[in-house]
Amino acid sequence: MKSCCENKSAELEMLRAEQGKILKIVLLINAVMFVVEFTMGWRARSSALMADSLDMFGDALVYGFSLYVLNKSQQWRATAALMKGIIITAFGLIVLAEVGFKLFSDIIPAAHTMGFIGALALLANLVCLQLLMKHRNDDLNMKSTYICSRNDIISNIGVLVAAIVVNFTQSKWPDIVIGLIIACLFLRSAFPIISESLAELKSAN
């Protein structure tokens, strides 16, 4: 019995070590891409690109939370998942505010910059998703992290679509519409994470 418990403990330690290594990599990727996307999104005056950059920043925080609670109790991991849900909700509301501002301006974003940076962000997030996929069902902590990365892929594709349509139409509306869709995606994905984490916290208590 003791040998069996020791083996399980060793397996768990190996799993946590592997999870930690992956979380450090995706944290670095998202932190770098946030700086790149936000800077270029501001210069291009693109709501969709800036929204996607804020998502990168949110994910960097999410991965930091996940890393911090990796070897802690179920209650800690559930609390981290709850924080992720709150962060996703906050960024959804921020994007909605940005979209509202753009409705009353005549600014047309730079389509070529949107397309190039959007493609770079998509490549970065595909790498993150591939790294996280193996561990998406390990626990709620890793599951919520995987969901954040999956959302990024959808956001990146939306930015690329917006860039193409803006380029052909020279209109601000594709950028606004994609920004609105990204905001709705954030809010929709946040509710299950918050609900599951609250249920786990209740169970742990």
N, C-alpha and C. Protein backbone atom coordinates (compact mmCIF):
# COMPACT_ATOMS: atom_id res chain seq x y z
N MET A 1 0.84 -1.20 0.00
CA MET A 1 0.00 0.00 0.00
C MET A 1 0.87 1.25 0.00
N LYS A 2 1.95 1.25 0.84
CA LYS A 2 2.85 2.38 0.91
C LYS A 2 3.53 2.62 -0.42
N SER A 3 3.96 1.53 -1.07
CA SER A 3 4.62 1.64 -2.37
C SER A 3 3.68 2.23 -3.41
N CYS A 4 2.42 1.82 -3.36
CA CYS A 4 1.42 2.33 -4.30
C CYS A 4 1.22 3.83 -4.11
N CYS A 5 1.13 4.26 -2.85
CA CYS A 5 0.94 5.69 -2.56
C CYS A 5 2.16 6.50 -2.99
N GLU A 6 3.35 5.93 -2.76
CA GLU A 6 4.57 6.62 -3.17
C GLU A 6 4.64 6.77 -4.68
N ASN A 7 4.21 5.74 -5.40
CA ASN A 7 4.21 5.79 -6.86
C ASN A 7 3.25 6.86 -7.36
N LYS A 8 2.05 6.93 -6.74
CA LYS A 8 1.07 7.93 -7.14
C LYS A 8 1.57 9.34 -6.85
N SER A 9 2.26 9.48 -5.70
CA SER A 9 2.81 10.79 -5.34
C SER A 9 3.88 11.23 -6.34
N ALA A 10 4.72 10.27 -6.74
CA ALA A 10 5.78 10.57 -7.71
C ALA A 10 5.19 10.94 -9.07
N GLU A 11 4.13 10.21 -9.46
CA GLU A 11 3.46 10.51 -10.73
C GLU A 11 2.85 11.90 -10.71
N LEU A 12 2.24 12.27 -9.56
CA LEU A 12 1.64 13.58 -9.44
C LEU A 12 2.70 14.68 -9.51
N GLU A 13 3.85 14.44 -8.86
CA GLU A 13 4.93 15.42 -8.90
C GLU A 13 5.46 15.61 -10.32
N MET A 14 5.57 14.51 -11.07
CA MET A 14 6.01 14.59 -12.46
C MET A 14 5.00 15.35 -13.31
N LEU A 15 3.70 15.10 -13.06
CA LEU A 15 2.66 15.79 -13.80
C LEU A 15 2.70 17.29 -13.52
N ARG A 16 2.83 17.67 -12.25
CA ARG A 16 2.89 19.08 -11.88
C ARG A 16 4.13 19.75 -12.48
N ALA A 17 5.24 19.03 -12.52
CA ALA A 17 6.47 19.59 -13.10
C ALA A 17 6.29 19.85 -14.59
N GLU A 18 5.64 18.91 -15.28
CA GLU A 18 5.39 19.07 -16.71
C GLU A 18 4.42 20.22 -16.97
N GLN A 19 3.37 20.31 -16.15
CA GLN A 19 2.41 21.40 -16.27
C GLN A 19 3.09 22.74 -16.06
N GLY A 20 3.97 22.80 -15.04
CA GLY A 20 4.68 24.04 -14.74
C GLY A 20 5.56 24.50 -15.88
N LYS A 21 6.25 23.58 -16.50
CA LYS A 21 7.12 23.90 -17.64
C LYS A 21 6.31 24.49 -18.79
N ILE A 22 5.18 23.86 -19.09
CA ILE A 22 4.32 24.33 -20.18
C ILE A 22 3.74 25.70 -19.86
N LEU A 23 3.29 25.90 -18.62
CA LEU A 23 2.70 27.19 -18.23
C LEU A 23 3.72 28.32 -18.32
N LYS A 24 4.97 28.05 -17.99
CA LYS A 24 6.01 29.08 -18.11
C LYS A 24 6.22 29.49 -19.57
N ILE A 25 6.19 28.51 -20.47
CA ILE A 25 6.39 28.80 -21.89
C ILE A 25 5.24 29.64 -22.43
N VAL A 26 4.00 29.23 -22.16
CA VAL A 26 2.85 29.96 -22.70
C VAL A 26 2.71 31.34 -22.03
N LEU A 27 3.14 31.46 -20.78
CA LEU A 27 3.14 32.76 -20.11
C LEU A 27 4.08 33.72 -20.83
N LEU A 28 5.27 33.27 -21.16
CA LEU A 28 6.24 34.11 -21.86
C LEU A 28 5.74 34.51 -23.24
N ILE A 29 5.17 33.55 -23.98
CA ILE A 29 4.65 33.84 -25.32
C ILE A 29 3.56 34.91 -25.26
N ASN A 30 2.63 34.77 -24.32
CA ASN A 30 1.52 35.72 -24.22
C ASN A 30 1.97 37.10 -23.76
N ALA A 31 2.93 37.16 -22.85
CA ALA A 31 3.44 38.45 -22.37
C ALA A 31 4.11 39.22 -23.51
N VAL A 32 4.93 38.53 -24.30
CA VAL A 32 5.61 39.18 -25.43
C VAL A 32 4.60 39.63 -26.47
N MET A 33 3.63 38.77 -26.79
CA MET A 33 2.65 39.11 -27.82
C MET A 33 1.72 40.23 -27.37
N PHE A 34 1.47 40.34 -26.07
CA PHE A 34 0.65 41.46 -25.59
C PHE A 34 1.32 42.79 -25.93
N VAL A 35 2.62 42.89 -25.63
CA VAL A 35 3.36 44.13 -25.91
C VAL A 35 3.34 44.44 -27.41
N VAL A 36 3.60 43.42 -28.23
CA VAL A 36 3.64 43.62 -29.69
C VAL A 36 2.26 44.02 -30.21
N GLU A 37 1.23 43.27 -29.83
CA GLU A 37 -0.12 43.52 -30.35
C GLU A 37 -0.70 44.85 -29.89
N PHE A 38 -0.51 45.17 -28.61
CA PHE A 38 -1.08 46.41 -28.11
C PHE A 38 -0.42 47.62 -28.77
N THR A 39 0.90 47.57 -28.89
CA THR A 39 1.63 48.67 -29.51
C THR A 39 1.19 48.88 -30.96
N MET A 40 1.15 47.80 -31.72
CA MET A 40 0.78 47.90 -33.13
C MET A 40 -0.72 48.17 -33.31
N GLY A 41 -1.54 47.64 -32.40
CA GLY A 41 -2.98 47.92 -32.46
C GLY A 41 -3.27 49.39 -32.22
N TRP A 42 -2.53 49.99 -31.29
CA TRP A 42 -2.68 51.42 -31.01
C TRP A 42 -2.27 52.25 -32.23
N ARG A 43 -1.16 51.86 -32.83
CA ARG A 43 -0.68 52.60 -34.01
C ARG A 43 -1.62 52.43 -35.21
N ALA A 44 -2.22 51.22 -35.32
CA ALA A 44 -3.13 50.95 -36.44
C ALA A 44 -4.55 51.45 -36.16
N ARG A 45 -4.82 51.87 -34.91
CA ARG A 45 -6.15 52.31 -34.49
C ARG A 45 -7.20 51.23 -34.73
N SER A 46 -6.85 50.01 -34.36
CA SER A 46 -7.73 48.86 -34.56
C SER A 46 -8.31 48.38 -33.23
N SER A 47 -9.64 48.43 -33.10
CA SER A 47 -10.32 47.92 -31.90
C SER A 47 -10.13 46.42 -31.76
N ALA A 48 -10.24 45.71 -32.88
CA ALA A 48 -10.13 44.25 -32.86
C ALA A 48 -8.74 43.83 -32.42
N LEU A 49 -7.70 44.50 -32.93
CA LEU A 49 -6.32 44.15 -32.59
C LEU A 49 -6.01 44.49 -31.14
N MET A 50 -6.47 45.64 -30.68
CA MET A 50 -6.26 46.00 -29.28
C MET A 50 -7.03 45.07 -28.35
N ALA A 51 -8.23 44.68 -28.75
CA ALA A 51 -9.00 43.72 -27.95
C ALA A 51 -8.25 42.41 -27.83
N ASP A 52 -7.67 41.98 -28.93
CA ASP A 52 -6.93 40.72 -28.93
C ASP A 52 -5.68 40.84 -28.06
N SER A 53 -5.05 42.03 -28.05
CA SER A 53 -3.86 42.23 -27.22
C SER A 53 -4.23 42.18 -25.74
N LEU A 54 -5.37 42.76 -25.38
CA LEU A 54 -5.83 42.71 -24.00
C LEU A 54 -6.12 41.27 -23.58
N ASP A 55 -6.59 40.47 -24.53
CA ASP A 55 -6.80 39.05 -24.27
C ASP A 55 -5.47 38.38 -23.95
N MET A 56 -4.43 38.76 -24.70
CA MET A 56 -3.10 38.21 -24.45
C MET A 56 -2.63 38.57 -23.03
N PHE A 57 -2.87 39.82 -22.65
CA PHE A 57 -2.48 40.26 -21.31
C PHE A 57 -3.26 39.48 -20.24
N GLY A 58 -4.56 39.33 -20.48
CA GLY A 58 -5.38 38.56 -19.55
C GLY A 58 -4.90 37.13 -19.42
N ASP A 59 -4.52 36.54 -20.55
CA ASP A 59 -4.03 35.17 -20.53
C ASP A 59 -2.70 35.05 -19.79
N ALA A 60 -1.84 36.06 -19.94
CA ALA A 60 -0.57 36.05 -19.21
C ALA A 60 -0.84 36.03 -17.71
N LEU A 61 -1.83 36.83 -17.26
CA LEU A 61 -2.22 36.81 -15.86
C LEU A 61 -2.80 35.45 -15.47
N VAL A 62 -3.62 34.90 -16.35
CA VAL A 62 -4.23 33.60 -16.12
C VAL A 62 -3.17 32.52 -15.93
N TYR A 63 -2.18 32.50 -16.83
CA TYR A 63 -1.11 31.50 -16.73
C TYR A 63 -0.27 31.71 -15.48
N GLY A 64 -0.10 32.97 -15.09
CA GLY A 64 0.62 33.25 -13.85
C GLY A 64 -0.13 32.70 -12.64
N PHE A 65 -1.45 32.91 -12.59
CA PHE A 65 -2.29 32.34 -11.53
C PHE A 65 -2.16 30.82 -11.52
N SER A 66 -2.26 30.22 -12.70
CA SER A 66 -2.22 28.76 -12.81
C SER A 66 -0.90 28.21 -12.30
N LEU A 67 0.18 28.92 -12.61
CA LEU A 67 1.51 28.49 -12.18
C LEU A 67 1.65 28.59 -10.66
N TYR A 68 1.09 29.66 -10.11
CA TYR A 68 1.19 29.92 -8.67
C TYR A 68 0.49 28.84 -7.85
N VAL A 69 -0.67 28.39 -8.32
CA VAL A 69 -1.47 27.44 -7.54
C VAL A 69 -1.23 25.99 -7.95
N LEU A 70 -0.25 25.76 -8.80
CA LEU A 70 -0.05 24.44 -9.38
C LEU A 70 0.10 23.34 -8.34
N ASN A 71 0.88 23.61 -7.29
CA ASN A 71 1.12 22.60 -6.26
C ASN A 71 0.32 22.85 -4.99
N LYS A 72 -0.70 23.69 -5.10
CA LYS A 72 -1.52 23.99 -3.93
C LYS A 72 -2.78 23.13 -3.92
N SER A 73 -3.64 23.38 -2.96
CA SER A 73 -4.82 22.54 -2.74
C SER A 73 -5.88 22.79 -3.81
N GLN A 74 -6.90 21.91 -3.78
CA GLN A 74 -8.03 22.06 -4.69
C GLN A 74 -8.70 23.42 -4.52
N GLN A 75 -8.78 23.89 -3.27
CA GLN A 75 -9.42 25.18 -3.00
C GLN A 75 -8.64 26.32 -3.65
N TRP A 76 -7.32 26.27 -3.59
CA TRP A 76 -6.50 27.29 -4.23
C TRP A 76 -6.69 27.28 -5.75
N ARG A 77 -6.70 26.08 -6.32
CA ARG A 77 -6.84 25.97 -7.78
C ARG A 77 -8.22 26.46 -8.23
N ALA A 78 -9.25 26.15 -7.44
CA ALA A 78 -10.60 26.62 -7.77
C ALA A 78 -10.67 28.15 -7.66
N THR A 79 -9.98 28.71 -6.66
CA THR A 79 -9.94 30.17 -6.51
C THR A 79 -9.26 30.82 -7.71
N ALA A 80 -8.17 30.19 -8.19
CA ALA A 80 -7.47 30.71 -9.37
C ALA A 80 -8.38 30.67 -10.59
N ALA A 81 -9.12 29.58 -10.74
CA ALA A 81 -10.05 29.47 -11.87
C ALA A 81 -11.12 30.55 -11.78
N LEU A 82 -11.60 30.85 -10.55
CA LEU A 82 -12.59 31.91 -10.37
C LEU A 82 -12.01 33.26 -10.79
N MET A 83 -10.75 33.51 -10.42
CA MET A 83 -10.09 34.76 -10.81
C MET A 83 -9.97 34.87 -12.32
N LYS A 84 -9.69 33.75 -12.98
CA LYS A 84 -9.61 33.74 -14.44
C LYS A 84 -10.95 34.14 -15.05
N GLY A 85 -12.03 33.56 -14.50
CA GLY A 85 -13.36 33.89 -15.00
C GLY A 85 -13.67 35.37 -14.84
N ILE A 86 -13.26 35.93 -13.70
CA ILE A 86 -13.50 37.36 -13.45
C ILE A 86 -12.67 38.22 -14.41
N ILE A 87 -11.43 37.81 -14.66
CA ILE A 87 -10.56 38.56 -15.57
C ILE A 87 -11.13 38.54 -16.99
N ILE A 88 -11.59 37.37 -17.42
CA ILE A 88 -12.17 37.25 -18.76
C ILE A 88 -13.39 38.17 -18.88
N THR A 89 -14.22 38.19 -17.83
CA THR A 89 -15.40 39.06 -17.83
C THR A 89 -15.00 40.53 -17.92
N ALA A 90 -13.98 40.91 -17.15
CA ALA A 90 -13.52 42.30 -17.14
C ALA A 90 -13.03 42.73 -18.52
N PHE A 91 -12.27 41.86 -19.18
CA PHE A 91 -11.76 42.21 -20.50
C PHE A 91 -12.86 42.26 -21.55
N GLY A 92 -13.86 41.43 -21.37
CA GLY A 92 -15.02 41.51 -22.26
C GLY A 92 -15.70 42.86 -22.17
N LEU A 93 -15.83 43.36 -20.94
CA LEU A 93 -16.46 44.66 -20.72
C LEU A 93 -15.59 45.81 -21.25
N ILE A 94 -14.27 45.66 -21.13
CA ILE A 94 -13.35 46.67 -21.65
C ILE A 94 -13.47 46.77 -23.17
N VAL A 95 -13.54 45.62 -23.82
CA VAL A 95 -13.68 45.60 -25.28
C VAL A 95 -15.00 46.23 -25.70
N LEU A 96 -16.07 45.94 -24.96
CA LEU A 96 -17.36 46.55 -25.26
C LEU A 96 -17.27 48.07 -25.19
N ALA A 97 -16.55 48.57 -24.20
CA ALA A 97 -16.38 50.02 -24.06
C ALA A 97 -15.61 50.59 -25.25
N GLU A 98 -14.57 49.90 -25.69
CA GLU A 98 -13.78 50.35 -26.84
C GLU A 98 -14.63 50.37 -28.11
N VAL A 99 -15.44 49.34 -28.28
CA VAL A 99 -16.34 49.29 -29.43
C VAL A 99 -17.32 50.45 -29.40
N GLY A 100 -17.84 50.76 -28.21
CA GLY A 100 -18.76 51.89 -28.07
C GLY A 100 -18.11 53.20 -28.47
N PHE A 101 -16.84 53.37 -28.10
CA PHE A 101 -16.11 54.58 -28.49
C PHE A 101 -15.96 54.68 -30.01
N LYS A 102 -15.63 53.54 -30.62
CA LYS A 102 -15.40 53.55 -32.07
C LYS A 102 -16.68 53.85 -32.86
N LEU A 103 -17.83 53.55 -32.27
CA LEU A 103 -19.10 53.83 -32.96
C LEU A 103 -19.26 55.31 -33.27
N PHE A 104 -18.65 56.15 -32.43
CA PHE A 104 -18.83 57.60 -32.59
C PHE A 104 -17.59 58.28 -33.18
N SER A 105 -16.71 57.50 -33.77
CA SER A 105 -15.53 58.08 -34.42
C SER A 105 -15.50 57.66 -35.89
N ASP A 106 -14.68 58.35 -36.67
CA ASP A 106 -14.57 58.04 -38.11
C ASP A 106 -13.22 57.41 -38.43
N ILE A 107 -12.59 56.82 -37.45
CA ILE A 107 -11.25 56.24 -37.64
C ILE A 107 -11.36 54.90 -38.36
N ILE A 108 -10.59 54.76 -39.44
CA ILE A 108 -10.51 53.49 -40.17
C ILE A 108 -9.16 52.84 -39.85
N PRO A 109 -9.14 51.64 -39.28
CA PRO A 109 -7.88 51.01 -38.89
C PRO A 109 -7.01 50.63 -40.08
N ALA A 110 -5.71 50.49 -39.81
CA ALA A 110 -4.75 50.10 -40.86
C ALA A 110 -4.85 48.60 -41.10
N ALA A 111 -5.44 48.22 -42.21
CA ALA A 111 -5.74 46.81 -42.48
C ALA A 111 -4.50 45.95 -42.59
N HIS A 112 -3.44 46.46 -43.23
CA HIS A 112 -2.23 45.64 -43.43
C HIS A 112 -1.56 45.32 -42.09
N THR A 113 -1.52 46.30 -41.20
CA THR A 113 -0.95 46.06 -39.87
C THR A 113 -1.79 45.06 -39.10
N MET A 114 -3.12 45.23 -39.18
CA MET A 114 -4.02 44.30 -38.53
C MET A 114 -3.77 42.87 -39.00
N GLY A 115 -3.64 42.71 -40.31
CA GLY A 115 -3.46 41.38 -40.88
C GLY A 115 -2.16 40.73 -40.47
N PHE A 116 -1.06 41.50 -40.52
CA PHE A 116 0.26 40.94 -40.20
C PHE A 116 0.36 40.56 -38.73
N ILE A 117 -0.03 41.49 -37.85
CA ILE A 117 0.06 41.22 -36.41
C ILE A 117 -0.95 40.16 -35.99
N GLY A 118 -2.14 40.18 -36.63
CA GLY A 118 -3.14 39.15 -36.33
C GLY A 118 -2.64 37.76 -36.69
N ALA A 119 -1.94 37.64 -37.82
CA ALA A 119 -1.38 36.34 -38.24
C ALA A 119 -0.29 35.89 -37.28
N LEU A 120 0.54 36.84 -36.83
CA LEU A 120 1.61 36.52 -35.88
C LEU A 120 1.02 36.03 -34.55
N ALA A 121 -0.03 36.71 -34.10
CA ALA A 121 -0.70 36.31 -32.86
C ALA A 121 -1.35 34.93 -32.99
N LEU A 122 -1.93 34.66 -34.16
CA LEU A 122 -2.55 33.35 -34.40
C LEU A 122 -1.51 32.24 -34.32
N LEU A 123 -0.35 32.46 -34.91
CA LEU A 123 0.72 31.47 -34.86
C LEU A 123 1.16 31.22 -33.42
N ALA A 124 1.32 32.30 -32.64
CA ALA A 124 1.74 32.17 -31.25
C ALA A 124 0.71 31.38 -30.44
N ASN A 125 -0.57 31.66 -30.67
CA ASN A 125 -1.62 30.98 -29.90
C ASN A 125 -1.81 29.53 -30.33
N LEU A 126 -1.54 29.22 -31.58
CA LEU A 126 -1.58 27.82 -32.02
C LEU A 126 -0.51 27.00 -31.30
N VAL A 127 0.65 27.60 -31.09
CA VAL A 127 1.72 26.93 -30.34
C VAL A 127 1.28 26.70 -28.90
N CYS A 128 0.68 27.74 -28.28
CA CYS A 128 0.19 27.62 -26.90
C CYS A 128 -0.88 26.54 -26.78
N LEU A 129 -1.82 26.54 -27.72
CA LEU A 129 -2.91 25.56 -27.67
C LEU A 129 -2.39 24.14 -27.79
N GLN A 130 -1.42 23.94 -28.65
CA GLN A 130 -0.84 22.61 -28.84
C GLN A 130 -0.14 22.15 -27.56
N LEU A 131 0.55 23.06 -26.89
CA LEU A 131 1.24 22.72 -25.64
C LEU A 131 0.25 22.37 -24.53
N LEU A 132 -0.87 23.09 -24.48
CA LEU A 132 -1.84 22.90 -23.40
C LEU A 132 -2.81 21.75 -23.64
N MET A 133 -2.96 21.34 -24.88
CA MET A 133 -3.99 20.36 -25.23
C MET A 133 -3.85 19.05 -24.45
N LYS A 134 -2.64 18.60 -24.26
CA LYS A 134 -2.39 17.33 -23.56
C LYS A 134 -2.91 17.36 -22.12
N HIS A 135 -2.92 18.56 -21.51
CA HIS A 135 -3.26 18.67 -20.09
C HIS A 135 -4.63 19.31 -19.85
N ARG A 136 -5.44 19.44 -20.89
CA ARG A 136 -6.70 20.17 -20.76
C ARG A 136 -7.70 19.48 -19.82
N ASN A 137 -7.55 18.17 -19.60
CA ASN A 137 -8.49 17.45 -18.72
C ASN A 137 -7.85 17.02 -17.40
N ASP A 138 -6.67 17.58 -17.08
CA ASP A 138 -6.00 17.20 -15.83
C ASP A 138 -6.80 17.64 -14.62
N ASP A 139 -7.23 18.90 -14.61
CA ASP A 139 -8.02 19.45 -13.51
C ASP A 139 -8.66 20.75 -14.00
N LEU A 140 -9.46 21.39 -13.12
CA LEU A 140 -10.15 22.63 -13.51
C LEU A 140 -9.15 23.74 -13.82
N ASN A 141 -8.05 23.77 -13.09
CA ASN A 141 -7.03 24.79 -13.30
C ASN A 141 -6.51 24.76 -14.73
N MET A 142 -6.13 23.56 -15.20
CA MET A 142 -5.59 23.42 -16.55
C MET A 142 -6.70 23.53 -17.61
N LYS A 143 -7.90 23.07 -17.26
CA LYS A 143 -9.02 23.16 -18.19
C LYS A 143 -9.35 24.62 -18.51
N SER A 144 -9.42 25.46 -17.46
CA SER A 144 -9.74 26.88 -17.68
C SER A 144 -8.62 27.58 -18.45
N THR A 145 -7.38 27.15 -18.23
CA THR A 145 -6.25 27.70 -18.97
C THR A 145 -6.36 27.34 -20.45
N TYR A 146 -6.73 26.10 -20.73
CA TYR A 146 -6.91 25.64 -22.11
C TYR A 146 -8.03 26.42 -22.80
N ILE A 147 -9.13 26.66 -22.08
CA ILE A 147 -10.25 27.41 -22.65
C ILE A 147 -9.82 28.82 -23.04
N CYS A 148 -9.01 29.45 -22.20
CA CYS A 148 -8.51 30.79 -22.52
C CYS A 148 -7.70 30.77 -23.81
N SER A 149 -6.86 29.76 -23.97
CA SER A 149 -6.04 29.66 -25.18
C SER A 149 -6.89 29.38 -26.41
N ARG A 150 -7.91 28.54 -26.25
CA ARG A 150 -8.82 28.25 -27.37
C ARG A 150 -9.56 29.50 -27.82
N ASN A 151 -9.98 30.31 -26.86
CA ASN A 151 -10.64 31.57 -27.19
C ASN A 151 -9.74 32.47 -28.03
N ASP A 152 -8.45 32.44 -27.72
CA ASP A 152 -7.51 33.29 -28.45
C ASP A 152 -7.48 32.95 -29.93
N ILE A 153 -7.55 31.67 -30.25
CA ILE A 153 -7.52 31.25 -31.66
C ILE A 153 -8.70 31.86 -32.40
N ILE A 154 -9.87 31.79 -31.80
CA ILE A 154 -11.08 32.34 -32.43
C ILE A 154 -10.94 33.85 -32.60
N SER A 155 -10.39 34.52 -31.58
CA SER A 155 -10.19 35.97 -31.65
C SER A 155 -9.23 36.34 -32.77
N ASN A 156 -8.14 35.57 -32.88
CA ASN A 156 -7.14 35.85 -33.92
C ASN A 156 -7.72 35.71 -35.32
N ILE A 157 -8.51 34.67 -35.52
CA ILE A 157 -9.14 34.46 -36.83
C ILE A 157 -10.09 35.63 -37.13
N GLY A 158 -10.80 36.08 -36.08
CA GLY A 158 -11.69 37.23 -36.25
C GLY A 158 -10.94 38.48 -36.67
N VAL A 159 -9.76 38.71 -36.08
CA VAL A 159 -8.95 39.87 -36.44
C VAL A 159 -8.51 39.79 -37.89
N LEU A 160 -8.12 38.61 -38.35
CA LEU A 160 -7.70 38.43 -39.74
C LEU A 160 -8.85 38.68 -40.70
N VAL A 161 -10.03 38.18 -40.36
CA VAL A 161 -11.22 38.42 -41.19
C VAL A 161 -11.52 39.91 -41.26
N ALA A 162 -11.45 40.59 -40.10
CA ALA A 162 -11.70 42.02 -40.06
C ALA A 162 -10.70 42.78 -40.92
N ALA A 163 -9.44 42.38 -40.86
CA ALA A 163 -8.40 43.05 -41.64
C ALA A 163 -8.67 42.93 -43.14
N ILE A 164 -9.07 41.75 -43.58
CA ILE A 164 -9.35 41.53 -45.01
C ILE A 164 -10.52 42.39 -45.46
N VAL A 165 -11.60 42.40 -44.67
CA VAL A 165 -12.80 43.15 -45.06
C VAL A 165 -12.55 44.66 -45.00
N VAL A 166 -11.81 45.12 -43.97
CA VAL A 166 -11.47 46.54 -43.89
C VAL A 166 -10.65 46.96 -45.09
N ASN A 167 -9.72 46.10 -45.51
CA ASN A 167 -8.87 46.41 -46.65
C ASN A 167 -9.68 46.60 -47.93
N PHE A 168 -10.71 45.78 -48.12
CA PHE A 168 -11.52 45.85 -49.34
C PHE A 168 -12.60 46.94 -49.27
N THR A 169 -13.12 47.20 -48.10
CA THR A 169 -14.24 48.14 -47.99
C THR A 169 -13.83 49.53 -47.51
N GLN A 170 -12.64 49.62 -46.87
CA GLN A 170 -12.19 50.88 -46.26
C GLN A 170 -13.26 51.43 -45.31
N SER A 171 -13.80 50.53 -44.51
CA SER A 171 -14.85 50.87 -43.55
C SER A 171 -14.41 50.48 -42.15
N LYS A 172 -14.89 51.21 -41.15
CA LYS A 172 -14.56 50.91 -39.76
C LYS A 172 -15.41 49.76 -39.21
N TRP A 173 -16.52 49.44 -39.88
CA TRP A 173 -17.51 48.52 -39.32
C TRP A 173 -17.02 47.08 -39.14
N PRO A 174 -16.23 46.52 -40.05
CA PRO A 174 -15.74 45.15 -39.80
C PRO A 174 -14.92 45.06 -38.51
N ASP A 175 -14.10 46.09 -38.26
CA ASP A 175 -13.29 46.13 -37.04
C ASP A 175 -14.19 46.20 -35.80
N ILE A 176 -15.24 47.02 -35.88
CA ILE A 176 -16.18 47.16 -34.77
C ILE A 176 -16.94 45.86 -34.51
N VAL A 177 -17.41 45.23 -35.58
CA VAL A 177 -18.18 43.99 -35.45
C VAL A 177 -17.34 42.88 -34.83
N ILE A 178 -16.09 42.73 -35.31
CA ILE A 178 -15.22 41.69 -34.76
C ILE A 178 -14.88 41.99 -33.31
N GLY A 179 -14.64 43.25 -32.98
CA GLY A 179 -14.40 43.61 -31.59
C GLY A 179 -15.57 43.24 -30.70
N LEU A 180 -16.79 43.47 -31.20
CA LEU A 180 -18.00 43.12 -30.45
C LEU A 180 -18.13 41.61 -30.27
N ILE A 181 -17.82 40.85 -31.32
CA ILE A 181 -17.89 39.38 -31.25
C ILE A 181 -16.88 38.86 -30.23
N ILE A 182 -15.66 39.42 -30.24
CA ILE A 182 -14.63 39.00 -29.29
C ILE A 182 -15.11 39.27 -27.85
N ALA A 183 -15.71 40.42 -27.64
CA ALA A 183 -16.22 40.76 -26.30
C ALA A 183 -17.28 39.75 -25.85
N CYS A 184 -18.20 39.42 -26.75
CA CYS A 184 -19.25 38.45 -26.42
C CYS A 184 -18.66 37.07 -26.13
N LEU A 185 -17.62 36.70 -26.89
CA LEU A 185 -16.94 35.42 -26.66
C LEU A 185 -16.33 35.38 -25.27
N PHE A 186 -15.65 36.48 -24.87
CA PHE A 186 -15.07 36.55 -23.53
C PHE A 186 -16.14 36.30 -22.47
N LEU A 187 -17.23 37.05 -22.58
CA LEU A 187 -18.27 36.98 -21.56
C LEU A 187 -18.94 35.60 -21.52
N ARG A 188 -19.18 35.03 -22.69
CA ARG A 188 -19.85 33.73 -22.76
C ARG A 188 -18.98 32.63 -22.15
N SER A 189 -17.67 32.67 -22.40
CA SER A 189 -16.79 31.62 -21.88
C SER A 189 -16.49 31.80 -20.40
N ALA A 190 -16.69 33.01 -19.88
CA ALA A 190 -16.37 33.27 -18.48
C ALA A 190 -17.38 32.62 -17.53
N PHE A 191 -18.65 32.60 -17.93
CA PHE A 191 -19.70 32.12 -17.03
C PHE A 191 -19.52 30.65 -16.61
N PRO A 192 -19.22 29.71 -17.53
CA PRO A 192 -19.01 28.33 -17.09
C PRO A 192 -17.81 28.18 -16.15
N ILE A 193 -16.73 28.94 -16.41
CA ILE A 193 -15.54 28.87 -15.56
C ILE A 193 -15.89 29.33 -14.15
N ILE A 194 -16.60 30.46 -14.05
CA ILE A 194 -17.00 30.98 -12.74
C ILE A 194 -17.92 30.01 -12.03
N SER A 195 -18.88 29.44 -12.76
CA SER A 195 -19.83 28.51 -12.17
C SER A 195 -19.14 27.25 -11.63
N GLU A 196 -18.24 26.66 -12.44
CA GLU A 196 -17.54 25.44 -12.01
C GLU A 196 -16.61 25.72 -10.83
N SER A 197 -15.95 26.86 -10.86
CA SER A 197 -15.01 27.17 -9.78
C SER A 197 -15.74 27.42 -8.46
N LEU A 198 -16.90 28.07 -8.54
CA LEU A 198 -17.71 28.28 -7.33
C LEU A 198 -18.19 26.95 -6.77
N ALA A 199 -18.56 26.03 -7.67
CA ALA A 199 -19.00 24.69 -7.24
C ALA A 199 -17.86 23.94 -6.55
N GLU A 200 -16.63 24.06 -7.09
CA GLU A 200 -15.49 23.38 -6.50
C GLU A 200 -15.14 24.00 -5.14
N LEU A 201 -15.24 25.34 -5.06
CA LEU A 201 -14.96 26.00 -3.79
C LEU A 201 -15.95 25.54 -2.71
N LYS A 202 -17.21 25.42 -3.11
CA LYS A 202 -18.24 24.95 -2.18
C LYS A 202 -17.95 23.53 -1.73
N SER A 203 -17.53 22.70 -2.68
CA SER A 203 -17.20 21.30 -2.36
C SER A 203 -15.99 21.21 -1.44
N ALA A 204 -14.97 22.06 -1.71
CA ALA A 204 -13.75 22.03 -0.89
C ALA A 204 -14.01 22.50 0.52
N ASN A 205 -14.96 23.44 0.66
CA ASN A 205 -15.27 23.94 2.01
C ASN A 205 -16.13 22.97 2.79
